[in-house]
Amino acid sequence: MPGRFQSGWTLAFMKILLVFFDFALWVFGCAVLAAGIWMKFEVHKFLDVNPSNPVASHVAIFFMSVGVAIALVGLMSCYCTLSGNPILLYLYSAFLGVVLVIQISIGIAAFAYQDAIKESFKNGLKNSMKSYKNVEANRDAVDTMQTALKCCGVESYEDWQDYGLPVPNSCCKAQTCNTKNPSSINEVGCYTTVVTFISSSGKLIGIICLAVAGFHILGLVLTCMLASCINKWKYETII
C-alpha cells in the first residue's frame, strides 16, 4: 500500500513537471512563429537585397512553419500527458528525439556553410548595387538597408564609385547631406556591418542553441520517465 501511495505521488509530480514543459514548448513555438512573422514583414527588407533570390523571406516562412508545428505539438503533448497513455508518451518522446536531431543538423549545416551564406549575401548586395539605377525594387531594398543599418556600400562608401554611381542620399548620417563629403556619410559598408554583428553575437547564438537543445533533452527524459512511472503504477495496482 505505501508503495502504491508513493508511486501515485511520483506520477502526479511527473505529470505536473511535464505539463509545465509542454506549456513552455507551446510558448517557444509561438515565439518562433512571431520571429518568423517579424522576419517576413520587417527583417527581409534589410536582407533581401536581391529580389530574384529572397533568402530572408524563405527563411521567414521556414520559421513560421516550424513555429506552428512546435506550438501544435506543445498542445498535443498536453493531451498525451494528461491522458496518461504510455504509448502516446513514448511516441511523443520519439518525436522530440527527431526534432533534436534536426536542430543539431541545422546548427551544424549553418556553421559549415556560414562562409557560403556570407558570400551569397555579399554577391546579392553587389548585384543590387549594379542595377541600383535601373531597377526600382533593388534601389528601394538597398536604400532601406543603408538607412536602417547606417551603412553605405558593400565594404565602404567607395564601392559606389566602382560602379560609376554617385553615393545615394540613403548613406547620409543626417536626412540630407553632401554625399561627396565623407564626413557627412556612413563610411562603413553594409556587408561589414552585418557580418560584424553576426560575429559579435556568435556566443549568444551558441548559448541559445545549447539551451534549446538542453530543453528538448529534458522534455525527452521527463516524457520517458512519466511513461515508465505510469506502467509501474499500473503494474502495482494490478498486484
Protein backbone atom coordinates (compact mmCIF):
# COMPACT_ATOMS: atom_id res chain seq x y z
CA MET A 1 0.00 0.00 0.00
CA PRO A 2 2.72 2.56 0.87
CA GLY A 3 4.42 1.69 -2.43
CA ARG A 4 1.25 2.46 -4.38
CA PHE A 5 0.78 5.71 -2.49
CA GLN A 6 4.38 6.72 -3.20
CA SER A 7 4.04 5.80 -6.88
CA GLY A 8 0.83 7.83 -7.10
CA TRP A 9 2.56 10.93 -5.75
CA THR A 10 5.53 10.38 -8.06
CA LEU A 11 3.18 10.05 -11.02
CA ALA A 12 1.34 13.26 -10.12
CA PHE A 13 4.63 15.13 -9.68
CA MET A 14 5.93 13.90 -13.05
CA LYS A 15 2.70 14.95 -14.77
CA ILE A 16 2.92 18.45 -13.28
CA LEU A 17 6.54 18.79 -14.42
CA LEU A 18 5.70 17.63 -17.93
CA VAL A 19 2.66 19.92 -18.20
CA PHE A 20 4.95 22.86 -17.37
CA PHE A 21 7.35 21.62 -20.05
CA ASP A 22 4.51 21.29 -22.57
CA PHE A 23 3.39 24.84 -21.83
CA ALA A 24 6.96 26.11 -22.23
CA LEU A 25 7.21 24.23 -25.53
CA TRP A 26 3.99 25.89 -26.72
CA VAL A 27 5.36 29.33 -25.72
CA PHE A 28 8.61 28.55 -27.54
CA GLY A 29 6.66 27.60 -30.67
CA CYS A 30 4.70 30.86 -30.51
CA ALA A 31 7.98 32.78 -30.11
CA VAL A 32 9.46 31.09 -33.20
CA LEU A 33 6.26 31.88 -35.11
CA ALA A 34 6.44 35.53 -34.00
CA ALA A 35 10.10 35.69 -35.07
CA GLY A 36 9.15 34.30 -38.48
CA ILE A 37 6.37 36.87 -38.90
CA TRP A 38 8.78 39.64 -37.88
CA MET A 39 11.35 38.43 -40.41
CA LYS A 40 8.69 38.16 -43.13
CA PHE A 41 7.39 41.70 -42.75
CA GLU A 42 10.41 43.60 -41.38
CA VAL A 43 13.83 41.92 -41.48
CA HIS A 44 13.52 40.75 -45.09
CA LYS A 45 13.60 44.41 -46.16
CA PHE A 46 17.18 44.56 -44.93
CA LEU A 47 18.40 41.19 -46.20
CA ASP A 48 16.52 40.59 -49.46
CA VAL A 49 18.77 42.91 -51.41
CA ASN A 50 18.38 40.60 -54.41
CA PRO A 51 14.61 40.29 -55.12
CA SER A 52 15.20 37.41 -57.55
CA ASN A 53 16.52 35.34 -54.62
CA PRO A 54 14.66 36.43 -51.45
CA VAL A 55 16.54 34.22 -48.99
CA ALA A 56 15.26 36.03 -45.90
CA SER A 57 11.63 35.57 -47.00
CA HIS A 58 12.19 31.84 -47.45
CA VAL A 59 13.85 31.61 -44.03
CA ALA A 60 10.92 33.54 -42.52
CA ILE A 61 8.41 31.08 -44.00
CA PHE A 62 10.51 28.21 -42.62
CA PHE A 63 10.50 29.81 -39.15
CA MET A 64 6.73 30.33 -39.26
CA SER A 65 6.14 26.72 -40.31
CA VAL A 66 8.40 25.38 -37.57
CA GLY A 67 6.76 27.69 -35.00
CA VAL A 68 3.25 26.49 -35.89
CA ALA A 69 4.40 22.85 -35.78
CA ILE A 70 6.06 23.24 -32.36
CA ALA A 71 3.05 25.11 -30.92
CA LEU A 72 0.67 22.37 -32.13
CA VAL A 73 2.95 19.67 -30.73
CA GLY A 74 3.01 21.53 -27.41
CA LEU A 75 -0.80 21.43 -27.28
CA MET A 76 -0.97 17.77 -28.30
CA SER A 77 1.70 16.86 -25.76
CA CYS A 78 -0.52 18.31 -23.02
CA TYR A 79 -3.21 15.85 -24.08
CA CYS A 80 -0.70 12.99 -24.08
CA THR A 81 0.48 13.95 -20.59
CA LEU A 82 -2.97 14.37 -19.05
CA SER A 83 -4.36 11.23 -20.70
CA GLY A 84 -1.54 9.20 -19.17
CA ASN A 85 -1.24 6.89 -22.18
CA PRO A 86 2.29 5.40 -22.15
CA ILE A 87 2.21 4.59 -25.87
CA LEU A 88 1.40 8.21 -26.78
CA LEU A 89 4.08 9.43 -24.39
CA TYR A 90 6.73 7.17 -25.94
CA LEU A 91 5.69 8.34 -29.43
CA TYR A 92 5.96 11.94 -28.25
CA SER A 93 9.43 11.32 -26.79
CA ALA A 94 10.48 9.77 -30.12
CA PHE A 95 9.24 12.91 -31.90
CA LEU A 96 11.27 15.10 -29.52
CA GLY A 97 14.32 12.98 -30.32
CA VAL A 98 13.79 13.51 -34.06
CA VAL A 99 13.35 17.27 -33.54
CA LEU A 100 16.56 17.36 -31.50
CA VAL A 101 18.50 15.60 -34.28
CA ILE A 102 17.06 18.02 -36.87
CA GLN A 103 18.03 21.04 -34.75
CA ILE A 104 21.58 19.75 -34.32
CA SER A 105 21.80 19.08 -38.08
CA ILE A 106 20.60 22.60 -38.90
CA GLY A 107 23.13 24.07 -36.47
CA ILE A 108 25.99 22.06 -37.99
CA ALA A 109 24.89 23.00 -41.53
CA ALA A 110 24.65 26.70 -40.64
CA PHE A 111 28.14 26.59 -39.11
CA ALA A 112 29.60 24.64 -42.04
CA TYR A 113 28.08 26.91 -44.71
CA GLN A 114 28.46 30.24 -42.92
CA ASP A 115 31.14 31.41 -45.36
CA ALA A 116 28.95 30.46 -48.33
CA ILE A 117 26.00 32.32 -46.78
CA LYS A 118 28.13 35.41 -46.24
CA GLU A 119 29.43 35.26 -49.81
CA SER A 120 25.90 34.86 -51.16
CA PHE A 121 24.77 37.92 -49.23
CA LYS A 122 27.78 39.88 -50.46
CA ASN A 123 27.15 38.94 -54.10
CA GLY A 124 23.45 39.75 -53.78
CA LEU A 125 24.29 43.19 -52.41
CA LYS A 126 26.77 43.83 -55.22
CA ASN A 127 24.24 42.80 -57.87
CA SER A 128 21.63 45.10 -56.37
CA MET A 129 24.09 47.99 -56.38
CA LYS A 130 24.94 47.34 -60.03
CA SER A 131 21.27 47.63 -61.00
CA TYR A 132 20.55 50.40 -58.47
CA LYS A 133 19.90 53.00 -61.15
CA ASN A 134 17.64 50.89 -63.38
CA VAL A 135 15.73 48.51 -61.09
CA GLU A 136 13.41 50.22 -58.61
CA ALA A 137 12.98 47.15 -56.37
CA ASN A 138 16.75 46.86 -55.89
CA ARG A 139 17.07 50.59 -55.30
CA ASP A 140 14.39 50.54 -52.60
CA ALA A 141 15.93 47.49 -50.90
CA VAL A 142 19.44 48.99 -50.83
CA ASP A 143 18.19 52.38 -49.63
CA THR A 144 16.16 50.73 -46.86
CA MET A 145 19.16 48.72 -45.70
CA GLN A 146 21.59 51.63 -45.78
CA THR A 147 19.19 53.88 -43.88
CA ALA A 148 18.25 51.29 -41.24
CA LEU A 149 21.75 49.91 -40.62
CA LYS A 150 23.51 53.27 -41.08
CA CYS A 151 25.91 51.80 -43.60
CA CYS A 152 27.00 52.54 -47.16
CA GLY A 153 28.02 50.24 -49.99
CA VAL A 154 29.30 46.69 -49.56
CA GLU A 155 32.50 47.23 -47.59
CA SER A 156 32.67 51.03 -47.73
CA TYR A 157 31.08 54.04 -49.41
CA GLU A 158 33.82 53.89 -52.08
CA ASP A 159 32.11 50.83 -53.60
CA TRP A 160 29.62 53.16 -55.30
CA GLN A 161 32.45 54.71 -57.28
CA ASP A 162 33.43 51.26 -58.59
CA TYR A 163 30.02 51.05 -60.29
CA GLY A 164 30.23 54.58 -61.64
CA LEU A 165 27.39 55.77 -59.42
CA PRO A 166 27.19 58.70 -57.01
CA VAL A 167 26.78 57.94 -53.31
CA PRO A 168 22.99 57.92 -52.65
CA ASN A 169 21.30 60.05 -50.00
CA SER A 170 20.48 56.90 -48.01
CA CYS A 171 24.16 56.91 -46.96
CA CYS A 172 23.79 60.27 -45.21
CA LYS A 173 24.24 60.45 -41.46
CA ALA A 174 21.51 63.10 -41.41
CA GLN A 175 18.35 63.18 -43.53
CA THR A 176 20.15 65.07 -46.30
CA CYS A 177 23.83 65.84 -46.81
CA ASN A 178 26.62 66.47 -49.27
CA THR A 179 27.36 62.90 -50.36
CA LYS A 180 30.71 63.99 -51.77
CA ASN A 181 31.90 64.79 -48.25
CA PRO A 182 32.99 61.54 -46.49
CA SER A 183 32.45 63.06 -43.05
CA SER A 184 28.74 63.53 -43.84
CA ILE A 185 28.04 59.92 -44.79
CA ASN A 186 28.27 56.50 -43.17
CA GLU A 187 31.62 55.14 -44.29
CA VAL A 188 31.28 51.51 -43.15
CA GLY A 189 29.79 49.06 -45.68
CA CYS A 190 26.55 47.13 -45.11
CA TYR A 191 28.21 43.75 -45.60
CA THR A 192 30.83 44.65 -43.00
CA THR A 193 28.13 45.87 -40.59
CA VAL A 194 26.01 42.71 -40.87
CA VAL A 195 28.97 40.29 -40.64
CA THR A 196 30.41 42.16 -37.63
CA PHE A 197 27.04 42.00 -35.86
CA ILE A 198 26.66 38.26 -36.51
CA SER A 199 30.23 37.56 -35.39
CA SER A 200 29.83 39.57 -32.18
CA SER A 201 26.56 37.75 -31.44
CA GLY A 202 28.01 34.30 -32.11
CA LYS A 203 28.48 33.44 -28.43
CA LEU A 204 24.90 34.47 -27.58
CA ILE A 205 23.51 32.46 -30.51
CA GLY A 206 25.53 29.44 -29.38
CA ILE A 207 24.22 29.72 -25.81
CA ILE A 208 20.63 29.96 -27.08
CA CYS A 209 21.09 26.88 -29.29
CA LEU A 210 22.55 24.88 -26.40
CA ALA A 211 19.70 25.99 -24.13
CA VAL A 212 17.09 24.89 -26.69
CA ALA A 213 18.83 21.54 -27.17
CA GLY A 214 19.01 21.03 -23.40
CA PHE A 215 15.34 21.96 -23.15
CA HIS A 216 14.39 19.23 -25.63
CA ILE A 217 16.60 16.65 -23.90
CA LEU A 218 14.89 17.49 -20.60
CA GLY A 219 11.48 17.03 -22.21
CA LEU A 220 12.52 13.71 -23.72
CA VAL A 221 13.78 12.41 -20.36
CA LEU A 222 10.69 13.62 -18.48
CA THR A 223 8.35 12.02 -21.02
CA CYS A 224 10.10 8.65 -20.85
CA MET A 225 10.18 8.79 -17.04
CA LEU A 226 6.45 9.57 -16.90
CA ALA A 227 5.60 6.71 -19.26
CA SER A 228 7.74 4.37 -17.14
CA CYS A 229 6.08 5.58 -13.91
CA ILE A 230 2.61 5.03 -15.39
CA ASN A 231 3.48 1.47 -16.43
CA LYS A 232 4.95 0.78 -12.98
CA TRP A 233 1.91 2.25 -11.23
CA LYS A 234 -0.47 0.14 -13.34
CA TYR A 235 1.56 -2.96 -12.54
CA GLU A 236 1.48 -2.21 -8.79
CA THR A 237 -2.28 -1.59 -8.97
CA ILE A 238 -2.85 -4.99 -10.56
CA ILE A 239 -0.77 -6.68 -7.90
